[in-house]
C-alpha atoms as a PDB file:
ATOM      1  CA  UNK A   1       9.556  -2.937 -15.356  1.00  0.00           C
ATOM      2  CA  UNK A   2       6.996  -3.421 -12.832  1.00  0.00           C
ATOM      3  CA  UNK A   3       4.161  -2.631 -15.392  1.00  0.00           C
ATOM      4  CA  UNK A   4       4.985  -5.904 -17.451  1.00  0.00           C
ATOM      5  CA  UNK A   5       5.676  -7.941 -14.808  1.00  0.00           C
ATOM      6  CA  UNK A   6       2.100  -7.389 -12.972  1.00  0.00           C
ATOM      7  CA  UNK A   7       0.691  -7.406 -16.355  1.00  0.00           C
ATOM      8  CA  UNK A   8       2.034 -11.259 -16.793  1.00  0.00           C
ATOM      9  CA  UNK A   9       1.530 -12.439 -13.333  1.00  0.00           C
ATOM     10  CA  UNK A  10      -2.050 -10.999 -13.001  1.00  0.00           C
ATOM     11  CA  UNK A  11      -3.235 -10.487 -16.791  1.00  0.00           C
ATOM     12  CA  UNK A  12      -6.354 -13.568 -15.880  1.00  0.00           C
ATOM     13  CA  UNK A  13      -8.677 -12.231 -13.381  1.00  0.00           C
ATOM     14  CA  UNK A  14     -10.226 -15.873 -12.791  1.00  0.00           C
ATOM     15  CA  UNK A  15      -6.374 -17.261 -11.727  1.00  0.00           C
ATOM     16  CA  UNK A  16      -4.425 -16.431  -8.566  1.00  0.00           C
ATOM     17  CA  UNK A  17      -0.943 -16.019  -8.689  1.00  0.00           C
ATOM     18  CA  UNK A  18       0.798 -19.183  -7.644  1.00  0.00           C
ATOM     19  CA  UNK A  19       3.182 -19.376  -5.271  1.00  0.00           C
ATOM     20  CA  UNK A  20       6.348 -18.690  -7.366  1.00  0.00           C
ATOM     21  CA  UNK A  21       4.516 -15.787  -8.945  1.00  0.00           C
ATOM     22  CA  UNK A  22       3.854 -13.763  -6.208  1.00  0.00           C
ATOM     23  CA  UNK A  23       8.003 -14.699  -4.875  1.00  0.00           C
ATOM     24  CA  UNK A  24       9.028 -14.112  -8.234  1.00  0.00           C
ATOM     25  CA  UNK A  25       7.132 -10.116  -7.939  1.00  0.00           C
ATOM     26  CA  UNK A  26       7.948  -9.520  -4.238  1.00  0.00           C
ATOM     27  CA  UNK A  27      11.511 -10.322  -5.166  1.00  0.00           C
ATOM     28  CA  UNK A  28      11.764  -7.873  -8.277  1.00  0.00           C
ATOM     29  CA  UNK A  29       9.795  -4.948  -5.722  1.00  0.00           C
ATOM     30  CA  UNK A  30      12.336  -5.256  -3.873  1.00  0.00           C
ATOM     31  CA  UNK A  31      15.286  -3.867  -6.189  1.00  0.00           C
ATOM     32  CA  UNK A  32      13.224  -0.483  -6.551  1.00  0.00           C
ATOM     33  CA  UNK A  33      14.073   2.581  -5.087  1.00  0.00           C
ATOM     34  CA  UNK A  34      11.952   5.973  -4.701  1.00  0.00           C
ATOM     35  CA  UNK A  35      13.735   7.279  -7.810  1.00  0.00           C
ATOM     36  CA  UNK A  36      12.934   5.047 -10.303  1.00  0.00           C
ATOM     37  CA  UNK A  37       9.443   6.431  -9.410  1.00  0.00           C
ATOM     38  CA  UNK A  38      10.372   9.897  -9.818  1.00  0.00           C
ATOM     39  CA  UNK A  39      10.381  10.370  -5.889  1.00  0.00           C
ATOM     40  CA  UNK A  40      13.774  12.027  -4.438  1.00  0.00           C
ATOM     41  CA  UNK A  41      14.232  10.734  -1.049  1.00  0.00           C
ATOM     42  CA  UNK A  42      16.763  13.531  -0.166  1.00  0.00           C
ATOM     43  CA  UNK A  43      14.285  16.847  -1.007  1.00  0.00           C
ATOM     44  CA  UNK A  44      16.213  18.390  -3.725  1.00  0.00           C
ATOM     45  CA  UNK A  45      13.953  17.933  -6.626  1.00  0.00           C
ATOM     46  CA  UNK A  46      16.768  16.626  -9.041  1.00  0.00           C
ATOM     47  CA  UNK A  47      18.713  13.370  -9.479  1.00  0.00           C
ATOM     48  CA  UNK A  48      21.772  12.705  -8.542  1.00  0.00           C
ATOM     49  CA  UNK A  49      23.982  13.462 -10.930  1.00  0.00           C
ATOM     50  CA  UNK A  50      25.276   9.753 -11.699  1.00  0.00           C
ATOM     51  CA  UNK A  51      21.014   9.063 -12.542  1.00  0.00           C
ATOM     52  CA  UNK A  52      20.612   8.993 -15.569  1.00  0.00           C
ATOM     53  CA  UNK A  53      17.440  11.298 -15.053  1.00  0.00           C
ATOM     54  CA  UNK A  54      19.915  13.940 -13.770  1.00  0.00           C
ATOM     55  CA  UNK A  55      18.725  17.607 -14.548  1.00  0.00           C
ATOM     56  CA  UNK A  56      14.717  16.193 -14.157  1.00  0.00           C
ATOM     57  CA  UNK A  57      12.096  16.993 -11.892  1.00  0.00           C
ATOM     58  CA  UNK A  58      11.553  15.084  -9.455  1.00  0.00           C
ATOM     59  CA  UNK A  59       9.040  14.821  -6.006  1.00  0.00           C
ATOM     60  CA  UNK A  60      11.230  16.323  -3.433  1.00  0.00           C
ATOM     61  CA  UNK A  61      10.056  13.452  -0.455  1.00  0.00           C
ATOM     62  CA  UNK A  62      11.135  15.575   2.004  1.00  0.00           C
ATOM     63  CA  UNK A  63       9.150  18.240   1.019  1.00  0.00           C
ATOM     64  CA  UNK A  64       5.935  16.394   0.833  1.00  0.00           C
ATOM     65  CA  UNK A  65       3.597  18.150   3.664  1.00  0.00           C
ATOM     66  CA  UNK A  66       0.554  15.822   3.712  1.00  0.00           C
ATOM     67  CA  UNK A  67       0.082  12.131   3.037  1.00  0.00           C
ATOM     68  CA  UNK A  68       0.667  12.214  -0.943  1.00  0.00           C
ATOM     69  CA  UNK A  69      -0.344   9.874  -3.503  1.00  0.00           C
ATOM     70  CA  UNK A  70       1.505   9.261  -6.926  1.00  0.00           C
ATOM     71  CA  UNK A  71      -1.176   7.172  -8.846  1.00  0.00           C
ATOM     72  CA  UNK A  72       1.848   5.033 -11.307  1.00  0.00           C
ATOM     73  CA  UNK A  73      -1.217   2.481 -13.186  1.00  0.00           C
ATOM     74  CA  UNK A  74      -4.621   1.428 -12.445  1.00  0.00           C
ATOM     75  CA  UNK A  75      -6.489  -1.188 -14.683  1.00  0.00           C
ATOM     76  CA  UNK A  76      -8.939  -4.270 -14.171  1.00  0.00           C
ATOM     77  CA  UNK A  77      -6.335  -6.328 -13.135  1.00  0.00           C
ATOM     78  CA  UNK A  78      -3.928  -3.971 -11.100  1.00  0.00           C
ATOM     79  CA  UNK A  79      -2.790  -0.835  -9.730  1.00  0.00           C
ATOM     80  CA  UNK A  80       0.690   0.247  -8.616  1.00  0.00           C
ATOM     81  CA  UNK A  81       0.995   3.367  -6.757  1.00  0.00           C
ATOM     82  CA  UNK A  82       3.340   5.201  -4.169  1.00  0.00           C
ATOM     83  CA  UNK A  83       2.134   7.015  -1.331  1.00  0.00           C
ATOM     84  CA  UNK A  84       4.625   9.493   0.682  1.00  0.00           C
ATOM     85  CA  UNK A  85       4.135  10.453   3.805  1.00  0.00           C
ATOM     86  CA  UNK A  86       6.145  13.234   5.985  1.00  0.00           C
ATOM     87  CA  UNK A  87       6.949  12.368   9.923  1.00  0.00           C
ATOM     88  CA  UNK A  88       3.973  11.778  12.187  1.00  0.00           C
ATOM     89  CA  UNK A  89       1.203  11.694   9.340  1.00  0.00           C
ATOM     90  CA  UNK A  90      -0.839   7.990  10.051  1.00  0.00           C
ATOM     91  CA  UNK A  91      -3.318   6.859   7.346  1.00  0.00           C
ATOM     92  CA  UNK A  92      -5.558   5.185   9.650  1.00  0.00           C
ATOM     93  CA  UNK A  93      -6.725   1.460   9.267  1.00  0.00           C
ATOM     94  CA  UNK A  94      -8.189   0.660   6.441  1.00  0.00           C
ATOM     95  CA  UNK A  95      -8.609  -2.827   4.600  1.00  0.00           C
ATOM     96  CA  UNK A  96      -8.130  -4.675   1.273  1.00  0.00           C
ATOM     97  CA  UNK A  97     -11.156  -6.949   0.623  1.00  0.00           C
ATOM     98  CA  UNK A  98     -10.867  -9.619  -1.798  1.00  0.00           C
ATOM     99  CA  UNK A  99      -7.275  -8.241  -2.602  1.00  0.00           C
ATOM    100  CA  UNK A 100      -3.577  -9.290  -2.815  1.00  0.00           C
ATOM    101  CA  UNK A 101      -1.267  -6.427  -2.258  1.00  0.00           C
ATOM    102  CA  UNK A 102       2.605  -6.106  -2.391  1.00  0.00           C
ATOM    103  CA  UNK A 103       3.943  -3.226  -0.395  1.00  0.00           C
ATOM    104  CA  UNK A 104       7.252  -2.008  -0.506  1.00  0.00           C
ATOM    105  CA  UNK A 105       8.779   0.720   2.182  1.00  0.00           C
ATOM    106  CA  UNK A 106      11.020   2.813  -0.499  1.00  0.00           C
ATOM    107  CA  UNK A 107      12.853   5.090   2.126  1.00  0.00           C
ATOM    108  CA  UNK A 108      12.094   5.936   5.880  1.00  0.00           C
ATOM    109  CA  UNK A 109      10.736   4.575   8.738  1.00  0.00           C
ATOM    110  CA  UNK A 110       7.511   3.643   9.594  1.00  0.00           C
ATOM    111  CA  UNK A 111       5.232   2.538  12.257  1.00  0.00           C
ATOM    112  CA  UNK A 112       2.617  -0.563  10.904  1.00  0.00           C
ATOM    113  CA  UNK A 113      -0.184  -2.279  12.939  1.00  0.00           C
ATOM    114  CA  UNK A 114      -1.899  -4.886  11.217  1.00  0.00           C
ATOM    115  CA  UNK A 115      -4.738  -7.200  11.878  1.00  0.00           C
ATOM    116  CA  UNK A 116      -6.528 -10.321   9.797  1.00  0.00           C
ATOM    117  CA  UNK A 117     -10.626 -11.225  10.229  1.00  0.00           C
ATOM    118  CA  UNK A 118     -10.714 -14.170  12.947  1.00  0.00           C
ATOM    119  CA  UNK A 119     -14.610 -14.130  12.762  1.00  0.00           C
ATOM    120  CA  UNK A 120     -16.669 -10.768  10.821  1.00  0.00           C
ATOM    121  CA  UNK A 121     -19.994 -10.171  10.673  1.00  0.00           C
ATOM    122  CA  UNK A 122     -22.602  -7.158   9.611  1.00  0.00           C
ATOM    123  CA  UNK A 123     -24.660  -5.524  12.222  1.00  0.00           C
ATOM    124  CA  UNK A 124     -28.130  -3.884  10.753  1.00  0.00           C
ATOM    125  CA  UNK A 125     -27.106  -0.926   9.901  1.00  0.00           C
ATOM    126  CA  UNK A 126     -24.826  -2.792   7.666  1.00  0.00           C
ATOM    127  CA  UNK A 127     -20.817  -2.156   9.391  1.00  0.00           C
ATOM    128  CA  UNK A 128     -18.369  -4.132   9.580  1.00  0.00           C
ATOM    129  CA  UNK A 129     -17.181  -5.470  12.474  1.00  0.00           C
ATOM    130  CA  UNK A 130     -15.145  -8.764  14.267  1.00  0.00           C
ATOM    131  CA  UNK A 131     -12.663 -10.384  16.133  1.00  0.00           C
ATOM    132  CA  UNK A 132      -9.335 -10.060  14.738  1.00  0.00           C
ATOM    133  CA  UNK A 133      -6.368 -11.518  15.558  1.00  0.00           C
ATOM    134  CA  UNK A 134      -2.753  -9.137  15.310  1.00  0.00           C
ATOM    135  CA  UNK A 135      -0.217  -9.867  12.605  1.00  0.00           C
ATOM    136  CA  UNK A 136       1.948  -6.933  13.256  1.00  0.00           C
ATOM    137  CA  UNK A 137       3.026  -4.293  15.685  1.00  0.00           C
ATOM    138  CA  UNK A 138       6.103  -2.413  15.199  1.00  0.00           C
ATOM    139  CA  UNK A 139       8.529   0.018  13.246  1.00  0.00           C
ATOM    140  CA  UNK A 140       9.691  -1.152   9.644  1.00  0.00           C
ATOM    141  CA  UNK A 141      12.981   0.716   8.666  1.00  0.00           C
ATOM    142  CA  UNK A 142      14.344   0.722   4.582  1.00  0.00           C
ATOM    143  CA  UNK A 143      15.744  -1.538   3.443  1.00  0.00           C
ATOM    144  CA  UNK A 144      13.758  -4.060   4.391  1.00  0.00           C
ATOM    145  CA  UNK A 145      11.576  -6.939   2.430  1.00  0.00           C
ATOM    146  CA  UNK A 146       8.886  -6.513   0.201  1.00  0.00           C
ATOM    147  CA  UNK A 147       5.451  -7.595   2.242  1.00  0.00           C
ATOM    148  CA  UNK A 148       2.998  -9.560   1.019  1.00  0.00           C
ATOM    149  CA  UNK A 149      -1.001  -9.183   2.384  1.00  0.00           C
ATOM    150  CA  UNK A 150      -3.310 -12.395   0.803  1.00  0.00           C
ATOM    151  CA  UNK A 151      -6.973 -11.522   1.091  1.00  0.00           C
ATOM    152  CA  UNK A 152      -7.680 -13.611   4.627  1.00  0.00           C
ATOM    153  CA  UNK A 153      -3.709 -13.237   5.658  1.00  0.00           C
ATOM    154  CA  UNK A 154      -0.730 -11.045   6.293  1.00  0.00           C
ATOM    155  CA  UNK A 155      -2.626  -8.519   7.601  1.00  0.00           C
ATOM    156  CA  UNK A 156      -4.964  -7.500   5.226  1.00  0.00           C
ATOM    157  CA  UNK A 157      -6.421  -4.477   7.255  1.00  0.00           C
ATOM    158  CA  UNK A 158      -3.545  -2.157   8.836  1.00  0.00           C
ATOM    159  CA  UNK A 159      -2.676   1.312   9.093  1.00  0.00           C
ATOM    160  CA  UNK A 160       0.472   3.439   8.932  1.00  0.00           C
ATOM    161  CA  UNK A 161       1.913   6.136  11.337  1.00  0.00           C
ATOM    162  CA  UNK A 162       5.539   8.220   9.331  1.00  0.00           C
ATOM    163  CA  UNK A 163       8.201   7.924  11.813  1.00  0.00           C
ATOM    164  CA  UNK A 164       9.919   9.849   9.386  1.00  0.00           C
ATOM    165  CA  UNK A 165       9.376  10.731   5.648  1.00  0.00           C
ATOM    166  CA  UNK A 166       8.696   8.030   4.164  1.00  0.00           C
ATOM    167  CA  UNK A 167       7.433   6.235   0.956  1.00  0.00           C
ATOM    168  CA  UNK A 168       5.487   2.795   0.614  1.00  0.00           C
ATOM    169  CA  UNK A 169       5.106   1.287  -3.061  1.00  0.00           C
ATOM    170  CA  UNK A 170       1.874  -0.593  -3.577  1.00  0.00           C
ATOM    171  CA  UNK A 171       0.903  -3.076  -6.015  1.00  0.00           C
ATOM    172  CA  UNK A 172      -2.860  -3.787  -5.242  1.00  0.00           C
ATOM    173  CA  UNK A 173      -4.478  -6.624  -7.377  1.00  0.00           C
ATOM    174  CA  UNK A 174      -7.515  -6.609  -8.266  1.00  0.00           C
ATOM    175  CA  UNK A 175      -7.415  -2.562  -6.920  1.00  0.00           C
ATOM    176  CA  UNK A 176      -9.844  -1.583  -5.591  1.00  0.00           C
ATOM    177  CA  UNK A 177     -13.232  -0.555  -6.755  1.00  0.00           C
ATOM    178  CA  UNK A 178     -17.052   0.150  -5.003  1.00  0.00           C
ATOM    179  CA  UNK A 179     -18.609  -1.245  -8.350  1.00  0.00           C
ATOM    180  CA  UNK A 180     -17.333  -4.828  -8.084  1.00  0.00           C
ATOM    181  CA  UNK A 181     -17.499  -4.773  -3.954  1.00  0.00           C
ATOM    182  CA  UNK A 182     -13.997  -3.999  -3.351  1.00  0.00           C
ATOM    183  CA  UNK A 183     -14.019  -0.441  -1.120  1.00  0.00           C
ATOM    184  CA  UNK A 184     -11.872   0.758   1.307  1.00  0.00           C
ATOM    185  CA  UNK A 185     -12.822   0.232   4.776  1.00  0.00           C
ATOM    186  CA  UNK A 186     -11.675   2.387   8.067  1.00  0.00           C
ATOM    187  CA  UNK A 187     -11.871   0.607  11.600  1.00  0.00           C
ATOM    188  CA  UNK A 188     -11.643   1.684  15.030  1.00  0.00           C
ATOM    189  CA  UNK A 189      -9.824  -1.300  17.368  1.00  0.00           C
ATOM    190  CA  UNK A 190     -10.401  -2.146  20.619  1.00  0.00           C
ATOM    191  CA  UNK A 191      -8.372  -4.542  22.284  1.00  0.00           C
ATOM    192  CA  UNK A 192      -9.879  -7.123  24.649  1.00  0.00           C
ATOM    193  CA  UNK A 193      -8.357  -7.352  27.900  1.00  0.00           C
ATOM    194  CA  UNK A 194      -9.783 -10.595  28.876  1.00  0.00           C
ATOM    195  CA  UNK A 195      -7.888 -12.469  25.725  1.00  0.00           C
ATOM    196  CA  UNK A 196      -4.360 -13.303  25.204  1.00  0.00           C
ATOM    197  CA  UNK A 197      -2.797 -10.090  24.151  1.00  0.00           C
ATOM    198  CA  UNK A 198      -3.056  -8.748  20.454  1.00  0.00           C
ATOM    199  CA  UNK A 199      -6.861 -10.170  19.664  1.00  0.00           C
ATOM    200  CA  UNK A 200      -8.980  -6.926  19.034  1.00  0.00           C
ATOM    201  CA  UNK A 201     -12.616  -6.285  18.090  1.00  0.00           C
ATOM    202  CA  UNK A 202     -13.114  -4.148  14.584  1.00  0.00           C
ATOM    203  CA  UNK A 203     -15.546  -1.496  14.255  1.00  0.00           C
ATOM    204  CA  UNK A 204     -16.280  -0.346  10.742  1.00  0.00           C
ATOM    205  CA  UNK A 205     -15.851   3.800  11.187  1.00  0.00           C
ATOM    206  CA  UNK A 206     -16.549   6.910   8.620  1.00  0.00           C
ATOM    207  CA  UNK A 207     -13.307   7.528   6.370  1.00  0.00           C
ATOM    208  CA  UNK A 208     -11.572  10.503   9.146  1.00  0.00           C
ATOM    209  CA  UNK A 209     -12.679  14.125   8.863  1.00  0.00           C
ATOM    210  CA  UNK A 210      -8.848  14.822   8.934  1.00  0.00           C
ATOM    211  CA  UNK A 211      -7.865  12.492   6.407  1.00  0.00           C
ATOM    212  CA  UNK A 212      -6.430  14.178   3.193  1.00  0.00           C
ATOM    213  CA  UNK A 213      -4.421  12.532   0.513  1.00  0.00           C
ATOM    214  CA  UNK A 214      -3.234  15.255  -2.155  1.00  0.00           C
ATOM    215  CA  UNK A 215      -1.713  13.739  -5.102  1.00  0.00           C
ATOM    216  CA  UNK A 216       1.153  14.155  -6.852  1.00  0.00           C
ATOM    217  CA  UNK A 217       2.583  13.654 -10.739  1.00  0.00           C
ATOM    218  CA  UNK A 218       4.394  10.612 -11.919  1.00  0.00           C
ATOM    219  CA  UNK A 219       7.316  11.514 -12.986  1.00  0.00           C
ATOM    220  CA  UNK A 220       8.709   8.011 -13.525  1.00  0.00           C
ATOM    221  CA  UNK A 221       9.843   6.289 -17.122  1.00  0.00           C
ATOM    222  CA  UNK A 222       6.470   6.152 -19.228  1.00  0.00           C
ATOM    223  CA  UNK A 223       4.352   2.808 -19.244  1.00  0.00           C
ATOM    224  CA  UNK A 224       3.406   2.167 -22.328  1.00  0.00           C
ATOM    225  CA  UNK A 225       0.139  -0.017 -21.516  1.00  0.00           C
ATOM    226  CA  UNK A 226      -1.360  -2.319 -23.887  1.00  0.00           C
ATOM    227  CA  UNK A 227      -4.571  -1.940 -24.809  1.00  0.00           C
ATOM    228  CA  UNK A 228      -6.030  -5.476 -24.976  1.00  0.00           C
ATOM    229  CA  UNK A 229      -5.301  -6.210 -21.470  1.00  0.00           C
ATOM    230  CA  UNK A 230      -4.113  -3.340 -19.408  1.00  0.00           C
END
């Protein structure tokens, strides 16, 4: 269902989704649970007896020991995936250049800090830096609304720190692509005491050496992709 919805909303790369389409997709994401993506948040690795997947193996949410990404689908138009976190794990401050992001906390609690650019520049070493304003700084707990991040608003630059074991569903449009100028860039943030609270200088950094994202298989319902689109 999610794949088909994304295929409809994001099928035209030359046209931005309308507000109505964004709201419709946002509401749809709000209906999904971890088990819909083959994840058992309670850790047994098996579905509850009431689930149609009962008896089939699942990814154990409580058994995750490092940040783990479950790749669901990716094409030129969009990508779908789930990040699973053990308690205490951090995905550092990073951006989504030119992308719209739908992010839904499936279970657990996570500390989120997010910024939008106010003024961005590039140094002589081709590293990005600039002034940013804080959009959100706090803990989000499930159940909660789906958050939508736009290319220039909504907190496009953000970090996650898991307060408890948690999982985050991400839909990106268009997806990351080095070839198309959409790499993932990491940042340091430096608050500015002379300005009102919430302003910071962001400075591009190398990908943290201690950041490792493992992969896990997608064990949800199979996706029948349309060859001529996605």
